[in-house]
């Protein structure tokens, strides 16, 4: 292995270990045929891998291979710190010709969450040696060629050992105020805004709790950055509703390994590195929806009953579980068949165009199964625009929010045929956060919230019971 590969692969591997989320091919790593590093490829790969704010690219230099070790911990040799300019002023010609680029990676700092997507333009020509990043506290340096003794954080220490799980709730270490980070997948969904509102309403009753919110806007990289930023703020507990399971698994595990309790709300991550999960049973909800569709098809005497499914964001646990449950539920009626499925990512606006295309391709469809109420409402609009007879169709939703534009009102007014209450769990999350932090209780691994089937017969009653106005 030549020095370029060695000098690039090792810091990249270390950074991957730090960030816990990288999926880059060899070509994206820029390790091309002759061993020359193609920096355009490198940074295209970094963007594709969703590197985020806490990973700071602050400095890199092109130096002679035998000076690699000297670049550790800001001890850059004078030639490597040459001024920007064509050819790299102050850099001996021999070293310019050698042009062995070495990348210095600085681990996270106080970045307030925005994703760093800026391209670093300095390559072998030494056009720039320093990327300007302001107001950042540098915590660590990871560079190939540095031995273990020279790796340290700017605060003077190495990686601290994780505190034992649950230490935040140790009665002997009670605090006057606890900081909770709430990482939301996407506030664009009304149900998720309701979750945030319920968390805030529950927390305000407890002056010892302070909750800071972050919205990932359905962006995995931003959510990773949000969680890293929470760590910098010194949170005592993390509540997170992951945008997708796999991309958020490593950063959740990182929080958990630091001894910080983690409450997964609604959605899950991969593996077992979290404190507890709070949410309704999506498989059961999907199964109930499938059973309802199967019975409706039978009662409507459809010998061939077709279904289109408008799914949430692929990669989220809810999408898979609601889909699997529905398929299990319709097994009781062999005449029911799903003829099309498309993702609308839980968003009403996207579901309008998706449902338009699906209904154009399947104008005689009998059942529309939307994995949440806003997507179901979008399908109703598309059916109206296509002049389909909605009286002969069944529209199924999930969420059942008690709001003027929510699923309960939609069922009561005869738009959705049925929906299923999907509690946000916001109040329960704050309740368990208090038990963990203040009382030192060990929580159960899972708290399953009850659902309820809502039809036109009970919609008004359920609406009032859940506080609808």
Protein backbone atom coordinates (compact mmCIF):
# COMPACT_ATOMS: atom_id res chain seq x y z
CA UNK A 1 0.00 0.00 0.00
CA UNK A 2 1.53 3.40 -0.94
CA UNK A 3 1.65 6.39 1.39
CA UNK A 4 -1.36 8.08 -0.25
CA UNK A 5 -3.61 5.15 0.33
CA UNK A 6 -2.26 4.65 3.81
CA UNK A 7 -2.59 8.34 4.63
CA UNK A 8 -6.15 8.51 3.36
CA UNK A 9 -7.70 5.18 4.32
CA UNK A 10 -6.74 5.32 7.99
CA UNK A 11 -8.18 8.75 8.87
CA UNK A 12 -11.24 7.92 6.81
CA UNK A 13 -11.72 4.71 8.79
CA UNK A 14 -11.21 6.57 12.06
CA UNK A 15 -13.68 9.26 11.09
CA UNK A 16 -16.18 6.60 10.04
CA UNK A 17 -15.75 5.11 13.48
CA UNK A 18 -16.36 8.49 15.07
CA UNK A 19 -19.36 9.42 12.97
CA UNK A 20 -20.67 5.91 12.70
CA UNK A 21 -22.29 6.40 9.29
CA UNK A 22 -20.45 6.06 6.03
CA UNK A 23 -21.19 4.05 2.92
CA UNK A 24 -18.59 4.95 0.38
CA UNK A 25 -17.33 2.82 -2.48
CA UNK A 26 -13.63 2.58 -3.25
CA UNK A 27 -14.10 4.90 -6.21
CA UNK A 28 -15.78 7.49 -4.01
CA UNK A 29 -12.83 7.36 -1.65
CA UNK A 30 -10.80 8.70 -4.53
CA UNK A 31 -8.29 5.87 -4.53
CA UNK A 32 -7.96 5.67 -8.27
CA UNK A 33 -5.75 3.42 -10.40
CA UNK A 34 -2.33 5.07 -10.19
CA UNK A 35 -2.72 5.88 -6.51
CA UNK A 36 -3.39 9.56 -7.18
CA UNK A 37 -6.10 10.96 -4.97
CA UNK A 38 -8.92 12.58 -6.97
CA UNK A 39 -10.27 15.14 -4.51
CA UNK A 40 -13.41 15.87 -6.54
CA UNK A 41 -14.27 12.19 -6.13
CA UNK A 42 -13.44 12.30 -2.44
CA UNK A 43 -15.77 15.15 -1.61
CA UNK A 44 -18.52 13.89 -3.90
CA UNK A 45 -18.27 10.71 -1.88
CA UNK A 46 -18.41 12.62 1.40
CA UNK A 47 -21.54 14.47 0.27
CA UNK A 48 -23.11 11.20 -0.82
CA UNK A 49 -22.30 9.71 2.55
CA UNK A 50 -24.18 12.54 4.28
CA UNK A 51 -21.37 13.90 6.39
CA UNK A 52 -22.80 16.51 8.70
CA UNK A 53 -21.93 19.50 10.86
CA UNK A 54 -20.11 17.76 13.72
CA UNK A 55 -17.52 16.42 11.25
CA UNK A 56 -15.31 19.42 10.60
CA UNK A 57 -12.89 19.50 7.72
CA UNK A 58 -10.59 22.24 8.91
CA UNK A 59 -7.13 21.74 7.52
CA UNK A 60 -5.37 19.73 4.93
CA UNK A 61 -1.91 19.93 3.45
CA UNK A 62 0.11 18.49 0.62
CA UNK A 63 3.45 17.35 1.95
CA UNK A 64 6.29 14.97 1.37
CA UNK A 65 5.48 11.43 2.62
CA UNK A 66 8.30 11.38 5.15
CA UNK A 67 6.75 14.33 7.00
CA UNK A 68 3.39 12.68 7.70
CA UNK A 69 4.04 12.26 11.41
CA UNK A 70 5.03 15.90 11.76
CA UNK A 71 1.55 17.06 10.77
CA UNK A 72 -0.14 15.72 13.91
CA UNK A 73 -1.79 18.10 16.36
CA UNK A 74 -1.23 21.27 14.32
CA UNK A 75 2.55 20.77 14.12
CA UNK A 76 2.42 21.42 10.38
CA UNK A 77 5.83 21.96 8.80
CA UNK A 78 6.41 25.40 7.33
CA UNK A 79 6.14 24.21 3.69
CA UNK A 80 2.76 22.57 4.37
CA UNK A 81 1.44 25.79 5.82
CA UNK A 82 2.47 27.70 2.69
CA UNK A 83 0.26 30.59 1.68
CA UNK A 84 -2.56 30.15 -0.80
CA UNK A 85 -1.65 30.97 -4.33
CA UNK A 86 -0.83 29.33 -7.57
CA UNK A 87 1.84 26.76 -7.08
CA UNK A 88 1.83 27.20 -3.33
CA UNK A 89 4.10 30.08 -2.41
CA UNK A 90 6.87 29.13 -0.03
CA UNK A 91 6.74 25.43 -0.86
CA UNK A 92 9.95 23.93 -2.26
CA UNK A 93 9.62 22.74 -5.83
CA UNK A 94 10.58 19.18 -4.90
CA UNK A 95 7.76 18.94 -2.44
CA UNK A 96 5.32 20.51 -4.90
CA UNK A 97 6.28 17.83 -7.36
CA UNK A 98 5.85 15.11 -4.78
CA UNK A 99 2.43 16.45 -3.99
CA UNK A 100 1.50 13.80 -1.45
CA UNK A 101 -1.79 15.03 0.00
CA UNK A 102 -2.55 14.20 3.62
CA UNK A 103 -5.89 15.01 5.16
CA UNK A 104 -6.16 16.26 8.75
CA UNK A 105 -9.55 15.43 10.20
CA UNK A 106 -10.78 17.39 13.20
CA UNK A 107 -13.60 15.79 15.16
CA UNK A 108 -16.74 17.69 16.10
CA UNK A 109 -17.24 21.12 17.64
CA UNK A 110 -19.90 23.60 18.61
CA UNK A 111 -21.61 23.75 15.23
CA UNK A 112 -25.24 24.61 15.68
CA UNK A 113 -26.52 21.83 13.50
CA UNK A 114 -26.46 22.99 9.87
CA UNK A 115 -24.95 20.49 7.49
CA UNK A 116 -21.53 21.36 6.15
CA UNK A 117 -21.81 20.85 2.43
CA UNK A 118 -19.06 23.23 1.40
CA UNK A 119 -16.57 21.79 -1.08
CA UNK A 120 -12.89 22.04 -0.23
CA UNK A 121 -11.10 23.19 -3.34
CA UNK A 122 -7.45 22.91 -2.40
CA UNK A 123 -5.81 19.95 -4.12
CA UNK A 124 -2.21 19.32 -5.12
CA UNK A 125 -1.74 22.94 -6.33
CA UNK A 126 -1.87 24.23 -2.71
CA UNK A 127 -4.64 26.72 -3.57
CA UNK A 128 -5.81 26.77 0.01
CA UNK A 129 -4.43 25.26 3.18
CA UNK A 130 -7.11 26.21 5.69
CA UNK A 131 -10.87 25.93 5.48
CA UNK A 132 -12.29 28.72 7.65
CA UNK A 133 -14.69 27.31 10.26
CA UNK A 134 -15.59 29.87 12.94
CA UNK A 135 -16.70 29.41 16.54
CA UNK A 136 -15.83 25.73 16.76
CA UNK A 137 -14.32 23.93 19.72
CA UNK A 138 -11.98 21.31 18.32
CA UNK A 139 -12.29 18.12 20.31
CA UNK A 140 -9.98 15.70 18.52
CA UNK A 141 -7.51 15.12 15.76
CA UNK A 142 -7.40 11.90 13.78
CA UNK A 143 -4.61 11.53 11.26
CA UNK A 144 -2.81 8.60 9.68
CA UNK A 145 0.78 8.27 10.75
CA UNK A 146 0.13 9.65 14.26
CA UNK A 147 0.71 7.24 17.08
CA UNK A 148 -1.79 6.71 19.88
CA UNK A 149 0.13 8.97 22.28
CA UNK A 150 -0.30 12.00 20.04
CA UNK A 151 -4.07 11.64 19.64
CA UNK A 152 -5.91 13.87 22.07
CA UNK A 153 -8.79 16.33 22.27
CA UNK A 154 -8.27 20.07 22.52
CA UNK A 155 -9.49 19.89 26.09
CA UNK A 156 -6.46 17.79 26.89
CA UNK A 157 -7.85 14.27 27.09
CA UNK A 158 -8.69 11.33 24.93
CA UNK A 159 -12.00 9.56 24.54
CA UNK A 160 -13.70 9.37 27.90
CA UNK A 161 -15.08 6.03 29.01
CA UNK A 162 -18.86 5.78 28.83
CA UNK A 163 -20.69 6.28 32.09
CA UNK A 164 -22.75 3.35 33.31
CA UNK A 165 -26.24 3.31 31.85
CA UNK A 166 -28.79 5.06 33.99
CA UNK A 167 -26.23 7.16 35.87
CA UNK A 168 -28.15 10.29 34.93
CA UNK A 169 -30.97 9.05 37.13
CA UNK A 170 -28.82 8.08 40.09
CA UNK A 171 -30.54 9.58 43.16
CA UNK A 172 -27.11 10.43 44.56
CA UNK A 173 -26.47 12.63 41.50
CA UNK A 174 -29.77 14.49 41.35
CA UNK A 175 -29.69 17.81 39.54
CA UNK A 176 -31.79 20.91 39.80
CA UNK A 177 -32.40 20.95 36.07
CA UNK A 178 -32.29 18.24 33.43
CA UNK A 179 -31.69 18.98 29.77
CA UNK A 180 -33.61 16.78 27.31
CA UNK A 181 -32.93 16.78 23.58
CA UNK A 182 -35.92 15.98 21.37
CA UNK A 183 -34.91 15.03 17.83
CA UNK A 184 -37.94 15.00 15.53
CA UNK A 185 -37.87 13.31 12.13
CA UNK A 186 -40.05 15.80 10.29
CA UNK A 187 -42.36 18.53 11.54
CA UNK A 188 -43.94 18.64 8.07
CA UNK A 189 -46.26 15.87 9.24
CA UNK A 190 -49.09 17.23 11.43
CA UNK A 191 -48.91 14.14 13.63
CA UNK A 192 -45.27 14.87 14.45
CA UNK A 193 -45.99 18.49 15.25
CA UNK A 194 -48.68 17.20 17.61
CA UNK A 195 -46.04 14.96 19.22
CA UNK A 196 -43.75 17.96 19.82
CA UNK A 197 -46.65 19.99 21.21
CA UNK A 198 -47.58 17.22 23.64
CA UNK A 199 -43.98 16.86 24.80
CA UNK A 200 -43.76 20.61 25.40
CA UNK A 201 -47.12 20.67 27.21
CA UNK A 202 -46.07 17.79 29.48
CA UNK A 203 -42.61 19.22 30.21
CA UNK A 204 -43.82 22.70 31.13
CA UNK A 205 -45.51 21.19 34.20
CA UNK A 206 -42.08 20.22 35.54
CA UNK A 207 -39.77 23.22 36.08
CA UNK A 208 -36.77 20.93 36.54
CA UNK A 209 -37.03 19.87 32.88
CA UNK A 210 -35.77 21.84 29.93
CA UNK A 211 -36.48 20.44 26.46
CA UNK A 212 -34.67 21.57 23.33
CA UNK A 213 -36.18 20.56 19.99
CA UNK A 214 -34.59 19.89 16.61
CA UNK A 215 -36.34 19.16 13.32
CA UNK A 216 -34.50 16.90 10.87
CA UNK A 217 -36.89 17.89 8.06
CA UNK A 218 -36.82 14.27 6.83
CA UNK A 219 -33.05 14.43 6.34
CA UNK A 220 -30.99 11.64 7.89
CA UNK A 221 -27.74 13.62 7.85
CA UNK A 222 -29.30 16.59 9.56
CA UNK A 223 -30.76 14.36 12.24
CA UNK A 224 -27.33 12.85 12.89
CA UNK A 225 -25.98 16.40 13.17
CA UNK A 226 -28.84 17.39 15.49
CA UNK A 227 -28.04 14.55 17.86
CA UNK A 228 -24.32 15.34 17.79
CA UNK A 229 -25.20 18.94 18.62
CA UNK A 230 -27.30 17.76 21.56
CA UNK A 231 -24.24 15.92 22.86
CA UNK A 232 -22.25 19.14 22.69
CA UNK A 233 -24.97 20.87 24.69
CA UNK A 234 -24.62 18.25 27.42
CA UNK A 235 -28.06 16.66 27.34
CA UNK A 236 -29.08 14.37 30.18
CA UNK A 237 -31.53 12.34 28.07
CA UNK A 238 -32.36 11.95 24.39
CA UNK A 239 -35.83 11.50 22.98
CA UNK A 240 -35.70 10.69 19.28
CA UNK A 241 -38.15 9.74 16.59
CA UNK A 242 -35.75 8.55 13.87
CA UNK A 243 -36.30 9.56 10.27
CA UNK A 244 -35.03 6.15 9.13
CA UNK A 245 -33.82 3.23 11.19
CA UNK A 246 -30.46 2.26 9.70
CA UNK A 247 -28.88 5.72 9.19
CA UNK A 248 -29.68 6.79 12.75
CA UNK A 249 -28.64 3.57 14.47
CA UNK A 250 -24.99 4.45 15.03
CA UNK A 251 -25.49 7.94 16.43
CA UNK A 252 -28.19 6.64 18.80
CA UNK A 253 -25.78 3.92 19.92
CA UNK A 254 -23.11 6.58 20.46
CA UNK A 255 -25.40 8.49 22.83
CA UNK A 256 -26.37 5.29 24.64
CA UNK A 257 -22.73 4.22 25.03
CA UNK A 258 -21.97 7.52 26.73
CA UNK A 259 -24.37 6.57 29.51
CA UNK A 260 -27.12 8.93 28.34
CA UNK A 261 -30.61 7.39 28.43
CA UNK A 262 -32.30 7.17 25.03
CA UNK A 263 -36.07 7.01 24.52
CA UNK A 264 -37.13 5.96 21.03
CA UNK A 265 -40.49 7.50 20.29
CA UNK A 266 -42.71 5.92 17.62
CA UNK A 267 -39.98 4.70 15.26
CA UNK A 268 -37.14 2.33 16.02
CA UNK A 269 -33.48 1.90 15.13
CA UNK A 270 -31.51 -1.25 14.43
CA UNK A 271 -29.98 -3.20 17.28
CA UNK A 272 -30.49 -2.92 21.02
CA UNK A 273 -28.54 0.21 22.00
CA UNK A 274 -31.34 2.32 23.42
CA UNK A 275 -33.02 2.54 26.81
CA UNK A 276 -36.67 2.11 25.87
CA UNK A 277 -39.16 2.37 23.01
CA UNK A 278 -42.58 4.01 23.33
CA UNK A 279 -45.12 3.60 20.56
CA UNK A 280 -48.22 1.88 19.29
CA UNK A 281 -48.08 -1.48 17.55
CA UNK A 282 -47.84 -0.64 13.85
CA UNK A 283 -48.15 -4.26 12.79
CA UNK A 284 -51.39 -4.60 14.76
CA UNK A 285 -52.73 -1.35 13.28
CA UNK A 286 -51.93 -2.57 9.78
CA UNK A 287 -53.54 -5.92 10.53
CA UNK A 288 -56.74 -4.27 11.77
CA UNK A 289 -56.85 -2.09 8.66
CA UNK A 290 -56.41 -5.18 6.47
CA UNK A 291 -59.15 -7.05 8.30
CA UNK A 292 -61.48 -4.07 7.91
CA UNK A 293 -60.74 -3.92 4.16
CA UNK A 294 -61.32 -7.68 3.80
CA UNK A 295 -64.69 -7.45 5.56
CA UNK A 296 -65.72 -4.36 3.58
CA UNK A 297 -64.93 -6.13 0.31
CA UNK A 298 -66.98 -9.14 1.40
CA UNK A 299 -69.92 -7.01 2.59
CA UNK A 300 -69.79 -5.07 -0.67
CA UNK A 301 -69.91 -8.39 -2.56
CA UNK A 302 -66.78 -7.74 -4.57
CA UNK A 303 -65.63 -11.03 -6.06
CA UNK A 304 -62.45 -9.23 -7.08
CA UNK A 305 -61.55 -6.42 -4.71
CA UNK A 306 -58.53 -4.33 -5.67
CA UNK A 307 -56.40 -2.21 -3.34
CA UNK A 308 -53.81 0.49 -3.90
CA UNK A 309 -51.44 1.24 -1.03
CA UNK A 310 -49.91 4.68 -0.42
CA UNK A 311 -46.91 4.02 1.78
CA UNK A 312 -44.82 6.22 4.06
CA UNK A 313 -41.10 6.78 3.81
CA UNK A 314 -39.35 3.58 2.81
CA UNK A 315 -36.75 2.62 5.38
CA UNK A 316 -38.87 3.68 8.34
CA UNK A 317 -40.09 0.97 10.69
CA UNK A 318 -43.68 2.23 10.51
CA UNK A 319 -43.87 1.87 6.74
CA UNK A 320 -42.74 -1.74 6.81
CA UNK A 321 -44.80 -2.72 9.83
CA UNK A 322 -48.05 -1.12 8.65
CA UNK A 323 -47.56 -2.70 5.25
CA UNK A 324 -46.78 -6.16 6.63
CA UNK A 325 -49.70 -6.00 9.04
CA UNK A 326 -52.13 -5.01 6.30
CA UNK A 327 -51.06 -7.90 4.11
CA UNK A 328 -51.59 -10.25 7.00
CA UNK A 329 -55.04 -8.79 7.65
CA UNK A 330 -56.38 -9.23 4.12
CA UNK A 331 -55.46 -12.92 4.05
CA UNK A 332 -58.90 -13.71 5.41
CA UNK A 333 -60.44 -12.74 2.06
CA UNK A 334 -58.72 -14.32 -0.96
CA UNK A 335 -60.60 -11.95 -3.28
CA UNK A 336 -58.63 -8.94 -2.00
CA UNK A 337 -55.54 -8.07 -4.01
CA UNK A 338 -53.07 -5.19 -3.77
CA UNK A 339 -52.58 -4.04 -7.36
CA UNK A 340 -50.23 -1.08 -6.79
CA UNK A 341 -48.12 0.55 -4.09
CA UNK A 342 -46.13 3.76 -4.05
CA UNK A 343 -44.30 5.80 -1.42
CA UNK A 344 -45.47 9.32 -0.61
CA UNK A 345 -43.17 9.66 2.42
CA UNK A 346 -46.02 10.49 4.86
CA UNK A 347 -46.57 13.86 3.13
CA UNK A 348 -49.98 15.06 1.92
CA UNK A 349 -48.50 17.23 -0.84
CA UNK A 350 -46.46 14.39 -2.31
CA UNK A 351 -49.38 11.98 -1.95
CA UNK A 352 -51.55 14.14 -4.25
CA UNK A 353 -49.35 13.55 -7.29
CA UNK A 354 -48.65 9.93 -6.29
CA UNK A 355 -52.35 9.10 -5.87
CA UNK A 356 -53.27 10.89 -9.11
CA UNK A 357 -50.92 8.63 -11.04
CA UNK A 358 -52.08 5.51 -9.21
CA UNK A 359 -55.78 6.24 -9.76
CA UNK A 360 -55.21 7.03 -13.42
CA UNK A 361 -53.56 3.64 -13.81
CA UNK A 362 -56.23 1.90 -11.68
CA UNK A 363 -59.53 3.81 -12.20
CA UNK A 364 -61.65 0.87 -11.00
CA UNK A 365 -59.85 0.38 -7.71
CA UNK A 366 -62.07 -0.44 -4.73
CA UNK A 367 -59.88 0.35 -1.68
CA UNK A 368 -57.23 2.97 -1.00
CA UNK A 369 -55.04 2.10 2.00
CA UNK A 370 -53.04 5.17 3.03
CA UNK A 371 -50.55 4.60 5.82
CA UNK A 372 -51.47 7.93 7.39
CA UNK A 373 -54.48 10.24 7.26
CA UNK A 374 -52.91 13.14 5.30
CA UNK A 375 -52.02 10.76 2.45
CA UNK A 376 -55.56 9.37 2.60
CA UNK A 377 -56.99 12.89 2.30
CA UNK A 378 -54.72 13.48 -0.70
CA UNK A 379 -56.10 10.34 -2.38
CA UNK A 380 -59.66 11.58 -1.77
CA UNK A 381 -58.80 14.85 -3.55
CA UNK A 382 -57.30 12.93 -6.46
CA UNK A 383 -60.39 10.71 -6.70
CA UNK A 384 -62.62 13.78 -6.76
CA UNK A 385 -60.51 15.39 -9.47
CA UNK A 386 -60.70 12.17 -11.50
CA UNK A 387 -64.50 12.15 -11.07
CA UNK A 388 -64.46 8.71 -9.51
CA UNK A 389 -67.47 7.56 -7.51
CA UNK A 390 -66.13 7.82 -3.96
CA UNK A 391 -69.33 6.31 -2.62
CA UNK A 392 -68.22 2.98 -4.06
CA UNK A 393 -64.70 3.22 -2.66
CA UNK A 394 -63.16 2.74 0.78
CA UNK A 395 -60.44 5.11 1.99
CA UNK A 396 -58.42 3.91 4.99
CA UNK A 397 -56.10 6.10 7.04
CA UNK A 398 -54.00 5.94 10.22
CA UNK A 399 -53.25 8.57 12.93
CA UNK A 400 -56.63 9.83 14.08
CA UNK A 401 -55.60 13.29 15.26
CA UNK A 402 -58.35 15.22 17.10
CA UNK A 403 -57.82 18.41 15.09
CA UNK A 404 -60.11 20.24 12.63
CA UNK A 405 -58.09 18.87 9.72
CA UNK A 406 -57.23 15.51 11.33
CA UNK A 407 -58.38 11.98 10.65
CA UNK A 408 -61.16 11.87 13.24
CA UNK A 409 -62.98 14.81 11.63
CA UNK A 410 -62.42 13.29 8.21
CA UNK A 411 -64.14 10.05 9.27
CA UNK A 412 -66.95 11.93 11.01
CA UNK A 413 -67.59 13.94 7.85
CA UNK A 414 -67.58 10.88 5.61
CA UNK A 415 -64.32 11.34 3.72
CA UNK A 416 -62.14 8.62 5.24
CA UNK A 417 -64.09 5.41 5.81
CA UNK A 418 -61.99 4.35 8.80
CA UNK A 419 -58.87 5.43 10.64
CA UNK A 420 -56.84 4.12 13.56
CA UNK A 421 -55.76 6.24 16.51
CA UNK A 422 -51.99 6.32 16.67
CA UNK A 423 -50.97 8.03 19.95
CA UNK A 424 -47.91 10.26 19.71
CA UNK A 425 -46.53 9.12 23.07
CA UNK A 426 -45.29 12.63 23.82
CA UNK A 427 -46.74 12.80 27.32
CA UNK A 428 -45.57 9.27 28.12
CA UNK A 429 -42.03 10.14 26.99
CA UNK A 430 -41.83 13.02 29.48
CA UNK A 431 -43.35 10.83 32.20
CA UNK A 432 -40.65 8.19 31.70
CA UNK A 433 -37.91 10.80 31.35
CA UNK A 434 -38.78 12.02 34.85
CA UNK A 435 -38.80 8.51 36.24
CA UNK A 436 -35.39 7.82 34.74
CA UNK A 437 -33.67 11.12 35.53
CA UNK A 438 -35.25 12.25 38.78
CA UNK A 439 -36.27 8.96 40.37
CA UNK A 440 -33.55 6.67 39.06
CA UNK A 441 -36.07 4.08 37.85
CA UNK A 442 -35.13 1.40 35.36
CA UNK A 443 -37.73 1.54 32.58
CA UNK A 444 -39.17 -1.37 30.60
CA UNK A 445 -37.66 -1.94 27.18
CA UNK A 446 -40.99 -1.29 25.50
CA UNK A 447 -44.19 0.58 26.29
CA UNK A 448 -46.94 -0.27 23.80
CA UNK A 449 -49.63 2.39 23.39
CA UNK A 450 -53.21 1.38 22.68
CA UNK A 451 -54.91 2.05 19.34
CA UNK A 452 -58.57 2.39 18.50
CA UNK A 453 -60.56 1.77 15.35
CA UNK A 454 -62.61 4.82 14.38
CA UNK A 455 -65.58 4.65 12.00
CA UNK A 456 -68.40 7.10 11.35
CA UNK A 457 -70.38 5.50 14.19
CA UNK A 458 -67.90 6.46 16.94
CA UNK A 459 -65.85 9.26 15.34
CA UNK A 460 -67.57 12.16 17.11
CA UNK A 461 -67.31 10.43 20.49
CA UNK A 462 -63.62 9.63 20.06
CA UNK A 463 -62.98 13.17 18.82
CA UNK A 464 -64.42 14.64 22.03
CA UNK A 465 -62.65 12.10 24.23
CA UNK A 466 -59.26 13.07 22.81
CA UNK A 467 -59.91 16.75 23.38
CA UNK A 468 -61.05 17.80 19.92
CA UNK A 469 -62.77 21.15 19.61
